[in-house]
């Protein structure tokens, strides 16, 4: 059976959280989510810890293959686990609205930097 797209199960609440909490508090909440999913002994999210704790985030319907795909998509350093930064980046990548907002914020920051430079 082919893996389902993990994004199809993901309700994008991050833009609402970002708007209500602000950037710093949103990162703090993502850190709390990381803490729920991580392997306490290893300090990273492993396949086993993700599978064991995924129901806490409403992801109980994801197959093992879906969970592996999520890990692989977020694993930048190739250690088959997600550290805190990789997890936060993955959550942003799974949120199309926040990705678009991030692009706009970057463009605005660059424009301001150019204005300040001249």
N, C-alpha and C. Protein backbone atom coordinates (compact mmCIF):
# COMPACT_ATOMS: atom_id res chain seq x y z
N UNK A 1 0.84 -1.18 0.00
CA UNK A 1 0.00 0.00 0.00
C UNK A 1 0.88 1.24 0.00
N UNK A 2 0.62 2.16 -0.88
CA UNK A 2 1.44 3.38 -0.98
C UNK A 2 1.20 4.27 0.22
N UNK A 3 2.24 4.98 0.60
CA UNK A 3 2.14 5.89 1.74
C UNK A 3 1.23 7.05 1.39
N UNK A 4 0.44 7.43 2.35
CA UNK A 4 -0.39 8.60 2.17
C UNK A 4 0.46 9.83 2.43
N UNK A 5 0.06 10.95 1.87
CA UNK A 5 0.76 12.19 2.11
C UNK A 5 0.49 12.62 3.55
N UNK A 6 1.53 12.74 4.39
CA UNK A 6 1.30 13.15 5.77
C UNK A 6 0.59 14.50 5.86
N UNK A 7 0.79 15.36 4.87
CA UNK A 7 0.15 16.66 4.90
C UNK A 7 -1.36 16.54 4.80
N UNK A 8 -1.86 15.46 4.18
CA UNK A 8 -3.30 15.31 4.04
C UNK A 8 -3.98 15.12 5.39
N UNK A 9 -3.23 14.70 6.41
CA UNK A 9 -3.76 14.50 7.75
C UNK A 9 -3.51 15.69 8.65
N UNK A 10 -2.79 16.67 8.17
CA UNK A 10 -2.29 17.76 8.99
C UNK A 10 -3.21 18.96 8.86
N UNK A 11 -3.87 19.33 9.95
CA UNK A 11 -4.68 20.54 9.93
C UNK A 11 -3.75 21.69 10.25
N UNK A 12 -3.65 22.64 9.34
CA UNK A 12 -2.68 23.72 9.45
C UNK A 12 -3.14 24.78 10.44
N UNK A 13 -2.78 24.57 11.71
CA UNK A 13 -3.12 25.52 12.77
C UNK A 13 -1.98 26.48 13.06
N UNK A 14 -0.83 26.27 12.47
CA UNK A 14 0.32 27.12 12.77
C UNK A 14 0.10 28.59 12.43
N UNK A 15 -0.54 28.94 11.31
CA UNK A 15 -0.75 30.37 11.05
C UNK A 15 -1.60 31.05 12.14
N UNK A 16 -2.60 30.35 12.63
CA UNK A 16 -3.45 30.90 13.70
C UNK A 16 -2.62 31.07 14.96
N UNK A 17 -1.82 30.05 15.28
CA UNK A 17 -0.97 30.12 16.46
C UNK A 17 0.04 31.26 16.33
N UNK A 18 0.63 31.40 15.15
CA UNK A 18 1.63 32.45 14.93
C UNK A 18 0.99 33.83 15.11
N UNK A 19 -0.21 33.98 14.59
CA UNK A 19 -0.90 35.27 14.70
C UNK A 19 -1.22 35.59 16.16
N UNK A 20 -1.72 34.59 16.89
CA UNK A 20 -2.13 34.81 18.28
C UNK A 20 -0.95 34.92 19.24
N UNK A 21 0.10 34.13 19.00
CA UNK A 21 1.19 34.04 19.95
C UNK A 21 2.37 34.95 19.63
N UNK A 22 2.59 35.19 18.35
CA UNK A 22 3.81 35.89 17.95
C UNK A 22 4.91 34.87 17.71
N UNK A 23 5.97 35.31 17.06
CA UNK A 23 7.03 34.40 16.63
C UNK A 23 7.73 33.66 17.75
N UNK A 24 8.15 34.38 18.79
CA UNK A 24 8.90 33.73 19.87
C UNK A 24 8.06 32.69 20.61
N UNK A 25 6.81 33.04 20.89
CA UNK A 25 5.94 32.10 21.60
C UNK A 25 5.60 30.90 20.72
N UNK A 26 5.48 31.12 19.41
CA UNK A 26 5.21 30.00 18.50
C UNK A 26 6.37 29.01 18.52
N UNK A 27 7.58 29.53 18.47
CA UNK A 27 8.76 28.65 18.54
C UNK A 27 8.77 27.89 19.86
N UNK A 28 8.37 28.57 20.94
CA UNK A 28 8.27 27.90 22.24
C UNK A 28 7.26 26.76 22.22
N UNK A 29 6.11 27.00 21.58
CA UNK A 29 5.09 25.95 21.48
C UNK A 29 5.56 24.79 20.60
N UNK A 30 6.27 25.12 19.52
CA UNK A 30 6.84 24.04 18.70
C UNK A 30 7.83 23.22 19.52
N UNK A 31 8.59 23.91 20.37
CA UNK A 31 9.51 23.21 21.26
C UNK A 31 8.78 22.28 22.22
N UNK A 32 7.62 22.71 22.69
CA UNK A 32 6.80 21.84 23.55
C UNK A 32 6.33 20.61 22.79
N UNK A 33 5.94 20.81 21.52
CA UNK A 33 5.54 19.68 20.68
C UNK A 33 6.70 18.72 20.47
N UNK A 34 7.89 19.29 20.25
CA UNK A 34 9.09 18.46 20.11
C UNK A 34 9.30 17.62 21.37
N UNK A 35 9.16 18.26 22.53
CA UNK A 35 9.36 17.54 23.80
C UNK A 35 8.39 16.39 23.97
N UNK A 36 7.16 16.56 23.47
CA UNK A 36 6.16 15.48 23.55
C UNK A 36 6.55 14.28 22.70
N UNK A 37 7.19 14.54 21.57
CA UNK A 37 7.49 13.48 20.61
C UNK A 37 8.87 12.86 20.76
N UNK A 38 9.76 13.53 21.44
CA UNK A 38 11.15 13.06 21.47
C UNK A 38 11.35 11.85 22.37
N UNK A 39 12.41 11.14 22.08
CA UNK A 39 12.89 10.06 22.93
C UNK A 39 13.66 10.74 24.06
N UNK A 40 13.18 10.61 25.28
CA UNK A 40 13.77 11.32 26.42
C UNK A 40 15.23 10.95 26.65
N UNK A 41 15.61 9.72 26.34
CA UNK A 41 16.99 9.28 26.55
C UNK A 41 17.93 9.84 25.49
N UNK A 42 17.44 9.97 24.27
CA UNK A 42 18.29 10.41 23.16
C UNK A 42 18.19 11.90 22.87
N UNK A 43 17.11 12.55 23.31
CA UNK A 43 16.94 13.98 23.10
C UNK A 43 16.57 14.37 21.67
N UNK A 44 16.13 13.40 20.88
CA UNK A 44 15.70 13.63 19.50
C UNK A 44 14.44 12.82 19.25
N UNK A 45 13.76 13.15 18.15
CA UNK A 45 12.59 12.37 17.76
C UNK A 45 13.07 11.23 16.88
N UNK A 46 12.84 10.02 17.32
CA UNK A 46 13.18 8.83 16.56
C UNK A 46 11.90 8.24 15.98
N UNK A 47 12.04 7.27 15.10
CA UNK A 47 10.84 6.61 14.59
C UNK A 47 10.02 6.02 15.73
N UNK A 48 10.70 5.33 16.65
CA UNK A 48 9.98 4.69 17.75
C UNK A 48 9.27 5.71 18.64
N UNK A 49 9.93 6.84 18.94
CA UNK A 49 9.29 7.84 19.80
C UNK A 49 8.15 8.53 19.07
N UNK A 50 8.32 8.74 17.76
CA UNK A 50 7.25 9.36 16.97
C UNK A 50 6.03 8.43 16.92
N UNK A 51 6.29 7.16 16.69
CA UNK A 51 5.19 6.18 16.63
C UNK A 51 4.49 6.07 17.98
N UNK A 52 5.27 6.02 19.04
CA UNK A 52 4.73 5.86 20.39
C UNK A 52 3.92 7.09 20.83
N UNK A 53 4.35 8.28 20.44
CA UNK A 53 3.74 9.50 20.96
C UNK A 53 2.88 10.26 19.94
N UNK A 54 2.75 9.74 18.73
CA UNK A 54 2.03 10.47 17.69
C UNK A 54 0.55 10.69 18.02
N UNK A 55 -0.04 9.81 18.81
CA UNK A 55 -1.45 9.99 19.16
C UNK A 55 -1.66 11.26 19.98
N UNK A 56 -0.62 11.71 20.68
CA UNK A 56 -0.74 12.95 21.46
C UNK A 56 -1.03 14.14 20.58
N UNK A 57 -0.63 14.06 19.31
CA UNK A 57 -0.86 15.16 18.37
C UNK A 57 -1.91 14.83 17.33
N UNK A 58 -2.67 13.76 17.57
CA UNK A 58 -3.75 13.40 16.65
C UNK A 58 -3.26 12.74 15.37
N UNK A 59 -2.08 12.14 15.39
CA UNK A 59 -1.51 11.51 14.20
C UNK A 59 -1.60 9.99 14.25
N UNK A 60 -2.51 9.45 15.03
CA UNK A 60 -2.60 8.01 15.22
C UNK A 60 -2.97 7.26 13.94
N UNK A 61 -3.54 7.94 12.96
CA UNK A 61 -3.95 7.26 11.72
C UNK A 61 -2.82 7.14 10.70
N UNK A 62 -1.67 7.72 10.98
CA UNK A 62 -0.56 7.63 10.03
C UNK A 62 0.08 6.26 10.10
N UNK A 63 0.41 5.72 8.93
CA UNK A 63 1.06 4.41 8.86
C UNK A 63 2.54 4.55 9.24
N UNK A 64 3.18 3.42 9.46
CA UNK A 64 4.62 3.43 9.72
C UNK A 64 5.36 4.08 8.56
N UNK A 65 4.90 3.81 7.35
CA UNK A 65 5.54 4.39 6.16
C UNK A 65 5.38 5.91 6.15
N UNK A 66 4.22 6.41 6.53
CA UNK A 66 4.00 7.86 6.61
C UNK A 66 4.93 8.49 7.65
N UNK A 67 5.04 7.84 8.81
CA UNK A 67 5.91 8.36 9.87
C UNK A 67 7.36 8.38 9.41
N UNK A 68 7.79 7.31 8.73
CA UNK A 68 9.16 7.27 8.19
C UNK A 68 9.38 8.41 7.19
N UNK A 69 8.37 8.66 6.34
CA UNK A 69 8.47 9.75 5.37
C UNK A 69 8.61 11.10 6.05
N UNK A 70 7.86 11.30 7.13
CA UNK A 70 7.97 12.56 7.88
C UNK A 70 9.38 12.72 8.44
N UNK A 71 9.90 11.66 9.04
CA UNK A 71 11.26 11.73 9.58
C UNK A 71 12.27 12.02 8.48
N UNK A 72 12.13 11.33 7.39
CA UNK A 72 13.09 11.49 6.29
C UNK A 72 13.02 12.91 5.72
N UNK A 73 11.81 13.45 5.59
CA UNK A 73 11.66 14.79 5.04
C UNK A 73 12.31 15.86 5.91
N UNK A 74 12.26 15.67 7.21
CA UNK A 74 12.82 16.67 8.11
C UNK A 74 14.26 16.44 8.52
N UNK A 75 14.81 15.28 8.21
CA UNK A 75 16.14 14.89 8.69
C UNK A 75 17.24 15.46 7.78
N UNK A 76 17.75 16.63 8.15
CA UNK A 76 18.76 17.29 7.33
C UNK A 76 20.16 16.72 7.51
N UNK A 77 20.46 16.19 8.69
CA UNK A 77 21.82 15.72 8.94
C UNK A 77 21.99 14.21 8.72
N UNK A 78 20.91 13.53 8.32
CA UNK A 78 21.01 12.13 7.94
C UNK A 78 21.18 11.14 9.08
N UNK A 79 20.80 11.54 10.30
CA UNK A 79 20.97 10.63 11.44
C UNK A 79 19.71 9.82 11.75
N UNK A 80 18.71 9.87 10.86
CA UNK A 80 17.45 9.12 11.00
C UNK A 80 16.65 9.55 12.22
N UNK A 81 16.84 10.80 12.65
CA UNK A 81 16.11 11.36 13.79
C UNK A 81 15.96 12.86 13.55
N UNK A 82 15.07 13.48 14.30
CA UNK A 82 14.88 14.92 14.20
C UNK A 82 15.32 15.59 15.48
N UNK A 83 16.23 16.56 15.36
CA UNK A 83 16.55 17.38 16.51
C UNK A 83 15.54 18.52 16.57
N UNK A 84 15.64 19.37 17.56
CA UNK A 84 14.65 20.44 17.77
C UNK A 84 14.56 21.36 16.55
N UNK A 85 15.68 21.76 16.00
CA UNK A 85 15.67 22.66 14.85
C UNK A 85 15.03 21.99 13.64
N UNK A 86 15.40 20.75 13.37
CA UNK A 86 14.83 20.02 12.23
C UNK A 86 13.31 19.90 12.38
N UNK A 87 12.85 19.64 13.60
CA UNK A 87 11.41 19.52 13.84
C UNK A 87 10.70 20.84 13.57
N UNK A 88 11.24 21.95 14.07
CA UNK A 88 10.61 23.25 13.85
C UNK A 88 10.58 23.61 12.37
N UNK A 89 11.68 23.35 11.66
CA UNK A 89 11.71 23.62 10.23
C UNK A 89 10.68 22.76 9.51
N UNK A 90 10.56 21.51 9.88
CA UNK A 90 9.58 20.63 9.26
C UNK A 90 8.16 21.14 9.49
N UNK A 91 7.86 21.58 10.69
CA UNK A 91 6.52 22.10 10.97
C UNK A 91 6.21 23.32 10.10
N UNK A 92 7.20 24.19 9.91
CA UNK A 92 7.00 25.33 9.02
C UNK A 92 6.81 24.87 7.58
N UNK A 93 7.58 23.88 7.17
CA UNK A 93 7.46 23.39 5.80
C UNK A 93 6.11 22.73 5.55
N UNK A 94 5.52 22.14 6.58
CA UNK A 94 4.21 21.51 6.44
C UNK A 94 3.08 22.53 6.46
N UNK A 95 3.42 23.79 6.72
CA UNK A 95 2.42 24.85 6.77
C UNK A 95 2.60 25.78 5.58
N UNK A 96 1.85 25.57 4.50
CA UNK A 96 2.02 26.41 3.32
C UNK A 96 1.80 27.90 3.60
N UNK A 97 0.85 28.21 4.48
CA UNK A 97 0.57 29.61 4.79
C UNK A 97 1.76 30.25 5.49
N UNK A 98 2.34 29.55 6.45
CA UNK A 98 3.50 30.11 7.14
C UNK A 98 4.71 30.22 6.21
N UNK A 99 4.85 29.27 5.30
CA UNK A 99 5.95 29.36 4.33
C UNK A 99 5.80 30.61 3.48
N UNK A 100 4.59 30.89 3.04
CA UNK A 100 4.35 32.09 2.24
C UNK A 100 4.58 33.34 3.07
N UNK A 101 4.07 33.34 4.31
CA UNK A 101 4.30 34.48 5.20
C UNK A 101 5.78 34.69 5.45
N UNK A 102 6.53 33.59 5.61
CA UNK A 102 7.97 33.70 5.84
C UNK A 102 8.66 34.37 4.67
N UNK A 103 8.25 34.03 3.46
CA UNK A 103 8.82 34.67 2.27
C UNK A 103 8.55 36.16 2.28
N UNK A 104 7.32 36.53 2.63
CA UNK A 104 6.97 37.95 2.68
C UNK A 104 7.76 38.68 3.76
N UNK A 105 7.90 38.05 4.93
CA UNK A 105 8.67 38.67 6.01
C UNK A 105 10.12 38.85 5.61
N UNK A 106 10.69 37.88 4.92
CA UNK A 106 12.07 37.97 4.46
C UNK A 106 12.22 39.10 3.45
N UNK A 107 11.29 39.18 2.51
CA UNK A 107 11.34 40.25 1.52
C UNK A 107 11.25 41.62 2.19
N UNK A 108 10.35 41.76 3.16
CA UNK A 108 10.21 43.02 3.88
C UNK A 108 11.48 43.36 4.64
N UNK A 109 12.08 42.37 5.28
CA UNK A 109 13.31 42.60 6.04
C UNK A 109 14.44 43.01 5.11
N UNK A 110 14.53 42.36 3.95
CA UNK A 110 15.58 42.72 2.99
C UNK A 110 15.37 44.12 2.44
N UNK A 111 14.12 44.46 2.14
CA UNK A 111 13.83 45.81 1.66
C UNK A 111 14.21 46.85 2.71
N UNK A 112 13.88 46.59 3.95
CA UNK A 112 14.23 47.53 5.03
C UNK A 112 15.74 47.63 5.19
N UNK A 113 16.41 46.51 5.09
CA UNK A 113 17.88 46.50 5.20
C UNK A 113 18.51 47.34 4.08
N UNK A 114 17.97 47.21 2.87
CA UNK A 114 18.48 48.00 1.75
C UNK A 114 18.21 49.48 1.96
N UNK A 115 17.04 49.83 2.47
CA UNK A 115 16.73 51.23 2.75
C UNK A 115 17.68 51.79 3.80
N UNK A 116 17.93 51.00 4.85
CA UNK A 116 18.82 51.45 5.92
C UNK A 116 20.26 51.57 5.43
N UNK A 117 20.62 50.76 4.46
CA UNK A 117 21.99 50.76 3.94
C UNK A 117 22.27 52.01 3.14
N UNK A 118 21.26 52.46 2.37
CA UNK A 118 21.44 53.66 1.53
C UNK A 118 21.19 54.88 2.29
